[in-house]
Amino acid sequence: MEIETTDIFERLRNGESVPFSDPQYSKIGQACYDTKKLLLQMNGTAEPHEVRSLLSQITGRGIDETTTVFTPLHINYGRHTQIGKNVFINFDCVFLDLGGITIEDNVLIAPKVSLLSEGHPVTPGTRATLTTGHIHIKKNAWIGAGATIMQGVTIGENAIVAAGAVVSKDVPDNTIVGGIPAKIIKSI
């Protein structure tokens, strides 16, 4: 009897931990190198329509003409990133998206923001494992310069993440968070 194995990318997108010894693990490296080829083209052009076209190829989804991306942008996989309408992504952002990244409409992302849907266990004996958690940035949110959003975090509607914050817990709608680790500063 043959056992059906679910695709590694689907398992990661669904939040399953995958050890480096997984028989499908090499697929991740190849997919990331394929994405890198498109990123080199995208980060080498100053034409907004070319940036959107190449980013559409990277994500496998159309990027709306109201969305602006200032390159360079760094994405390891791409197929698990969804970007809404009227989104602004500034220079030098990093998206690790094997766990999934959803950016809703009217989101502002400042320079050097990191969206990290991937990580590793704390226990040294299991650290050679990839863990994931979907990042969801809801509409009208603003992520400040140099902020880091960790795996599994939802940024609420209209929320603001202060520059330099490290966000490891969900941010409620209509709040401002800042610091390391990020804490609620005030309601909007």
C-alpha atoms as a PDB file:
ATOM      1  CA  MET A   1       0.000   0.000   0.000  1.00  0.00           C
ATOM      2  CA  GLU A   2       1.462   3.354  -1.061  1.00  0.00           C
ATOM      3  CA  ILE A   3       1.270   6.240   1.388  1.00  0.00           C
ATOM      4  CA  GLU A   4       0.317   9.568  -0.172  1.00  0.00           C
ATOM      5  CA  THR A   5       2.569  12.400   0.957  1.00  0.00           C
ATOM      6  CA  THR A   6       1.178  15.918   0.953  1.00  0.00           C
ATOM      7  CA  ASP A   7       3.340  18.475  -0.847  1.00  0.00           C
ATOM      8  CA  ILE A   8       5.881  20.148   1.449  1.00  0.00           C
ATOM      9  CA  PHE A   9       4.740  23.661   0.464  1.00  0.00           C
ATOM     10  CA  GLU A  10       1.141  22.846   1.364  1.00  0.00           C
ATOM     11  CA  ARG A  11       2.255  21.376   4.689  1.00  0.00           C
ATOM     12  CA  LEU A  12       4.301  24.495   5.504  1.00  0.00           C
ATOM     13  CA  ARG A  13       1.446  26.805   4.474  1.00  0.00           C
ATOM     14  CA  ASN A  14      -0.806  24.817   6.821  1.00  0.00           C
ATOM     15  CA  GLY A  15       1.577  25.360   9.751  1.00  0.00           C
ATOM     16  CA  GLU A  16       3.133  21.896   9.870  1.00  0.00           C
ATOM     17  CA  SER A  17       6.697  21.688  11.186  1.00  0.00           C
ATOM     18  CA  VAL A  18       9.053  20.085   8.692  1.00  0.00           C
ATOM     19  CA  PRO A  19      12.463  18.645   9.692  1.00  0.00           C
ATOM     20  CA  PHE A  20      15.447  19.258   7.434  1.00  0.00           C
ATOM     21  CA  SER A  21      15.558  15.450   6.951  1.00  0.00           C
ATOM     22  CA  ASP A  22      12.137  15.444   5.233  1.00  0.00           C
ATOM     23  CA  PRO A  23      12.418  13.685   1.838  1.00  0.00           C
ATOM     24  CA  GLN A  24      10.870  16.731   0.102  1.00  0.00           C
ATOM     25  CA  TYR A  25      13.020  19.357   1.863  1.00  0.00           C
ATOM     26  CA  SER A  26      15.287  19.924  -1.161  1.00  0.00           C
ATOM     27  CA  LYS A  27      12.266  21.262  -3.060  1.00  0.00           C
ATOM     28  CA  ILE A  28      12.388  24.379  -0.861  1.00  0.00           C
ATOM     29  CA  GLY A  29      15.906  25.306  -1.936  1.00  0.00           C
ATOM     30  CA  GLN A  30      15.123  24.824  -5.616  1.00  0.00           C
ATOM     31  CA  ALA A  31      11.940  26.912  -5.383  1.00  0.00           C
ATOM     32  CA  CYS A  32      13.841  29.696  -3.602  1.00  0.00           C
ATOM     33  CA  TYR A  33      16.505  29.729  -6.335  1.00  0.00           C
ATOM     34  CA  ASP A  34      13.768  29.936  -8.986  1.00  0.00           C
ATOM     35  CA  THR A  35      12.289  32.916  -7.138  1.00  0.00           C
ATOM     36  CA  LYS A  36      15.740  34.514  -6.866  1.00  0.00           C
ATOM     37  CA  LYS A  37      16.057  34.539 -10.673  1.00  0.00           C
ATOM     38  CA  LEU A  38      12.860  36.593 -10.946  1.00  0.00           C
ATOM     39  CA  LEU A  39      13.885  38.815  -8.011  1.00  0.00           C
ATOM     40  CA  LEU A  40      17.129  39.722  -9.761  1.00  0.00           C
ATOM     41  CA  GLN A  41      15.100  40.954 -12.745  1.00  0.00           C
ATOM     42  CA  MET A  42      12.518  42.722 -10.570  1.00  0.00           C
ATOM     43  CA  ASN A  43      15.117  44.437  -8.397  1.00  0.00           C
ATOM     44  CA  GLY A  44      16.997  45.521 -11.527  1.00  0.00           C
ATOM     45  CA  THR A  45      14.194  47.562 -13.050  1.00  0.00           C
ATOM     46  CA  ALA A  46      12.852  51.018 -12.226  1.00  0.00           C
ATOM     47  CA  GLU A  47       9.656  50.571 -14.266  1.00  0.00           C
ATOM     48  CA  PRO A  48       6.623  50.191 -11.931  1.00  0.00           C
ATOM     49  CA  HIS A  49       4.658  48.042 -14.404  1.00  0.00           C
ATOM     50  CA  GLU A  50       7.651  45.672 -14.791  1.00  0.00           C
ATOM     51  CA  VAL A  51       8.005  45.429 -11.005  1.00  0.00           C
ATOM     52  CA  ARG A  52       4.305  44.515 -10.685  1.00  0.00           C
ATOM     53  CA  SER A  53       4.522  42.035 -13.583  1.00  0.00           C
ATOM     54  CA  LEU A  54       7.547  40.236 -12.137  1.00  0.00           C
ATOM     55  CA  LEU A  55       6.067  40.280  -8.628  1.00  0.00           C
ATOM     56  CA  SER A  56       2.917  38.715 -10.114  1.00  0.00           C
ATOM     57  CA  GLN A  57       5.084  35.914 -11.511  1.00  0.00           C
ATOM     58  CA  ILE A  58       6.806  35.469  -8.141  1.00  0.00           C
ATOM     59  CA  THR A  59       3.550  35.312  -6.165  1.00  0.00           C
ATOM     60  CA  GLY A  60       1.493  33.528  -8.817  1.00  0.00           C
ATOM     61  CA  ARG A  61      -1.195  36.208  -8.367  1.00  0.00           C
ATOM     62  CA  GLY A  62      -1.923  39.477 -10.088  1.00  0.00           C
ATOM     63  CA  ILE A  63      -0.557  42.603  -8.423  1.00  0.00           C
ATOM     64  CA  ASP A  64      -3.045  45.446  -8.782  1.00  0.00           C
ATOM     65  CA  GLU A  65      -1.918  48.579 -10.635  1.00  0.00           C
ATOM     66  CA  THR A  66      -2.747  50.634  -7.505  1.00  0.00           C
ATOM     67  CA  THR A  67      -0.009  48.818  -5.569  1.00  0.00           C
ATOM     68  CA  THR A  68       3.483  50.332  -5.470  1.00  0.00           C
ATOM     69  CA  VAL A  69       6.635  48.395  -4.633  1.00  0.00           C
ATOM     70  CA  PHE A  70       9.963  50.184  -4.311  1.00  0.00           C
ATOM     71  CA  THR A  71      12.751  47.714  -4.942  1.00  0.00           C
ATOM     72  CA  PRO A  72      14.789  46.033  -3.728  1.00  0.00           C
ATOM     73  CA  LEU A  73      12.331  43.590  -2.229  1.00  0.00           C
ATOM     74  CA  HIS A  74      13.556  40.210  -0.991  1.00  0.00           C
ATOM     75  CA  ILE A  75      11.244  37.175  -0.959  1.00  0.00           C
ATOM     76  CA  ASN A  76      12.404  33.607  -0.429  1.00  0.00           C
ATOM     77  CA  TYR A  77       9.488  31.693  -2.019  1.00  0.00           C
ATOM     78  CA  GLY A  78       6.723  34.071  -3.122  1.00  0.00           C
ATOM     79  CA  ARG A  79       3.848  31.713  -3.853  1.00  0.00           C
ATOM     80  CA  HIS A  80       2.469  32.122  -0.324  1.00  0.00           C
ATOM     81  CA  THR A  81       2.309  35.938  -0.480  1.00  0.00           C
ATOM     82  CA  GLN A  82      -0.950  37.738  -1.235  1.00  0.00           C
ATOM     83  CA  ILE A  83      -0.938  41.522  -1.747  1.00  0.00           C
ATOM     84  CA  GLY A  84      -4.112  43.622  -1.926  1.00  0.00           C
ATOM     85  CA  LYS A  85      -4.961  46.862  -3.688  1.00  0.00           C
ATOM     86  CA  ASN A  86      -3.483  50.284  -2.962  1.00  0.00           C
ATOM     87  CA  VAL A  87      -0.594  48.774  -0.965  1.00  0.00           C
ATOM     88  CA  PHE A  88       2.710  50.620  -0.634  1.00  0.00           C
ATOM     89  CA  ILE A  89       5.883  48.603   0.065  1.00  0.00           C
ATOM     90  CA  ASN A  90       8.988  50.743   0.520  1.00  0.00           C
ATOM     91  CA  PHE A  91      12.663  49.883  -0.131  1.00  0.00           C
ATOM     92  CA  ASP A  92      14.584  46.920   1.260  1.00  0.00           C
ATOM     93  CA  CYS A  93      11.847  44.765   2.799  1.00  0.00           C
ATOM     94  CA  VAL A  94      12.236  41.029   3.490  1.00  0.00           C
ATOM     95  CA  PHE A  95       9.366  38.543   3.180  1.00  0.00           C
ATOM     96  CA  LEU A  96       9.915  34.927   4.291  1.00  0.00           C
ATOM     97  CA  ASP A  97       6.579  33.526   3.190  1.00  0.00           C
ATOM     98  CA  LEU A  98       6.598  29.720   3.397  1.00  0.00           C
ATOM     99  CA  GLY A  99       4.045  30.036   6.220  1.00  0.00           C
ATOM    100  CA  GLY A 100       1.982  32.540   4.266  1.00  0.00           C
ATOM    101  CA  ILE A 101       1.750  36.319   4.199  1.00  0.00           C
ATOM    102  CA  THR A 102      -1.497  38.176   3.509  1.00  0.00           C
ATOM    103  CA  ILE A 103      -1.361  41.943   3.045  1.00  0.00           C
ATOM    104  CA  GLU A 104      -4.835  43.449   2.699  1.00  0.00           C
ATOM    105  CA  ASP A 105      -5.829  46.672   0.910  1.00  0.00           C
ATOM    106  CA  ASN A 106      -4.446  50.122   1.809  1.00  0.00           C
ATOM    107  CA  VAL A 107      -1.501  48.818   3.856  1.00  0.00           C
ATOM    108  CA  LEU A 108       1.661  50.924   4.181  1.00  0.00           C
ATOM    109  CA  ILE A 109       4.969  49.118   4.720  1.00  0.00           C
ATOM    110  CA  ALA A 110       7.990  51.317   5.464  1.00  0.00           C
ATOM    111  CA  PRO A 111      11.638  50.608   4.519  1.00  0.00           C
ATOM    112  CA  LYS A 112      13.490  47.613   5.950  1.00  0.00           C
ATOM    113  CA  VAL A 113      10.406  45.835   7.305  1.00  0.00           C
ATOM    114  CA  SER A 114      10.764  42.072   7.803  1.00  0.00           C
ATOM    115  CA  LEU A 115       7.743  39.759   7.599  1.00  0.00           C
ATOM    116  CA  LEU A 116       9.023  36.402   8.866  1.00  0.00           C
ATOM    117  CA  SER A 117       6.462  33.590   8.657  1.00  0.00           C
ATOM    118  CA  GLU A 118       9.195  31.018   9.339  1.00  0.00           C
ATOM    119  CA  GLY A 119      11.326  30.006  12.293  1.00  0.00           C
ATOM    120  CA  HIS A 120      12.834  27.102  14.222  1.00  0.00           C
ATOM    121  CA  PRO A 121      12.086  25.378  17.547  1.00  0.00           C
ATOM    122  CA  VAL A 122      13.812  26.599  20.708  1.00  0.00           C
ATOM    123  CA  THR A 123      15.012  23.140  21.775  1.00  0.00           C
ATOM    124  CA  PRO A 124      18.505  22.522  20.319  1.00  0.00           C
ATOM    125  CA  GLY A 125      17.757  18.880  19.479  1.00  0.00           C
ATOM    126  CA  THR A 126      14.856  19.831  17.205  1.00  0.00           C
ATOM    127  CA  ARG A 127      16.192  23.111  15.826  1.00  0.00           C
ATOM    128  CA  ALA A 128      16.919  21.558  12.415  1.00  0.00           C
ATOM    129  CA  THR A 129      13.192  21.874  11.736  1.00  0.00           C
ATOM    130  CA  LEU A 130      11.301  24.587   9.873  1.00  0.00           C
ATOM    131  CA  THR A 131       8.238  25.948  11.687  1.00  0.00           C
ATOM    132  CA  THR A 132       5.736  28.321  10.121  1.00  0.00           C
ATOM    133  CA  GLY A 133       2.841  30.582  11.009  1.00  0.00           C
ATOM    134  CA  HIS A 134       0.742  32.748   8.707  1.00  0.00           C
ATOM    135  CA  ILE A 135       1.210  36.539   8.931  1.00  0.00           C
ATOM    136  CA  HIS A 136      -1.914  38.591   8.242  1.00  0.00           C
ATOM    137  CA  ILE A 137      -1.796  42.381   7.904  1.00  0.00           C
ATOM    138  CA  LYS A 138      -5.318  43.760   7.800  1.00  0.00           C
ATOM    139  CA  LYS A 139      -6.534  46.759   5.821  1.00  0.00           C
ATOM    140  CA  ASN A 140      -5.271  50.261   6.516  1.00  0.00           C
ATOM    141  CA  ALA A 141      -2.425  49.061   8.751  1.00  0.00           C
ATOM    142  CA  TRP A 142       0.904  50.898   8.762  1.00  0.00           C
ATOM    143  CA  ILE A 143       4.133  49.043   9.525  1.00  0.00           C
ATOM    144  CA  GLY A 144       6.951  51.429  10.530  1.00  0.00           C
ATOM    145  CA  ALA A 145      10.552  51.400   9.317  1.00  0.00           C
ATOM    146  CA  GLY A 146      12.685  48.489  10.456  1.00  0.00           C
ATOM    147  CA  ALA A 147       9.813  46.666  12.181  1.00  0.00           C
ATOM    148  CA  THR A 148       9.852  42.873  12.338  1.00  0.00           C
ATOM    149  CA  ILE A 149       6.641  40.854  12.277  1.00  0.00           C
ATOM    150  CA  MET A 150       7.129  37.280  13.493  1.00  0.00           C
ATOM    151  CA  GLN A 151       5.399  34.078  12.396  1.00  0.00           C
ATOM    152  CA  GLY A 152       1.731  33.611  13.250  1.00  0.00           C
ATOM    153  CA  VAL A 153       1.012  37.306  13.925  1.00  0.00           C
ATOM    154  CA  THR A 154      -2.058  39.236  12.773  1.00  0.00           C
ATOM    155  CA  ILE A 155      -1.815  43.025  12.579  1.00  0.00           C
ATOM    156  CA  GLY A 156      -5.302  44.456  13.093  1.00  0.00           C
ATOM    157  CA  GLU A 157      -7.248  46.824  10.902  1.00  0.00           C
ATOM    158  CA  ASN A 158      -6.006  50.452  11.085  1.00  0.00           C
ATOM    159  CA  ALA A 159      -3.212  49.417  13.478  1.00  0.00           C
ATOM    160  CA  ILE A 160       0.223  51.053  13.507  1.00  0.00           C
ATOM    161  CA  VAL A 161       3.455  49.221  14.293  1.00  0.00           C
ATOM    162  CA  ALA A 162       6.120  51.721  15.428  1.00  0.00           C
ATOM    163  CA  ALA A 163       9.511  51.842  13.753  1.00  0.00           C
ATOM    164  CA  GLY A 164      11.911  49.202  15.045  1.00  0.00           C
ATOM    165  CA  ALA A 165       9.241  47.159  16.845  1.00  0.00           C
ATOM    166  CA  VAL A 166       9.449  43.384  17.053  1.00  0.00           C
ATOM    167  CA  VAL A 167       5.918  41.998  16.975  1.00  0.00           C
ATOM    168  CA  SER A 168       5.487  38.451  18.270  1.00  0.00           C
ATOM    169  CA  LYS A 169       1.803  38.652  19.328  1.00  0.00           C
ATOM    170  CA  ASP A 170      -1.355  39.739  17.542  1.00  0.00           C
ATOM    171  CA  VAL A 171      -2.048  43.482  17.366  1.00  0.00           C
ATOM    172  CA  PRO A 172      -5.686  44.481  17.942  1.00  0.00           C
ATOM    173  CA  ASP A 173      -7.551  46.716  15.490  1.00  0.00           C
ATOM    174  CA  ASN A 174      -7.102  50.474  15.955  1.00  0.00           C
ATOM    175  CA  THR A 175      -4.046  50.331  18.207  1.00  0.00           C
ATOM    176  CA  ILE A 176      -0.439  51.514  18.089  1.00  0.00           C
ATOM    177  CA  VAL A 177       2.258  49.097  19.253  1.00  0.00           C
ATOM    178  CA  GLY A 178       5.971  49.615  19.731  1.00  0.00           C
ATOM    179  CA  GLY A 179       9.069  48.249  21.426  1.00  0.00           C
ATOM    180  CA  ILE A 180      10.833  44.927  21.768  1.00  0.00           C
ATOM    181  CA  PRO A 181       8.737  42.924  22.300  1.00  0.00           C
ATOM    182  CA  ALA A 182       5.969  45.156  20.961  1.00  0.00           C
ATOM    183  CA  LYS A 183       3.349  46.284  23.452  1.00  0.00           C
ATOM    184  CA  ILE A 184       0.249  48.425  23.038  1.00  0.00           C
ATOM    185  CA  ILE A 185       1.121  52.103  23.340  1.00  0.00           C
ATOM    186  CA  LYS A 186      -2.368  53.508  22.781  1.00  0.00           C
ATOM    187  CA  SER A 187      -5.666  53.126  20.969  1.00  0.00           C
ATOM    188  CA  ILE A 188      -6.440  55.155  17.874  1.00  0.00           C
END
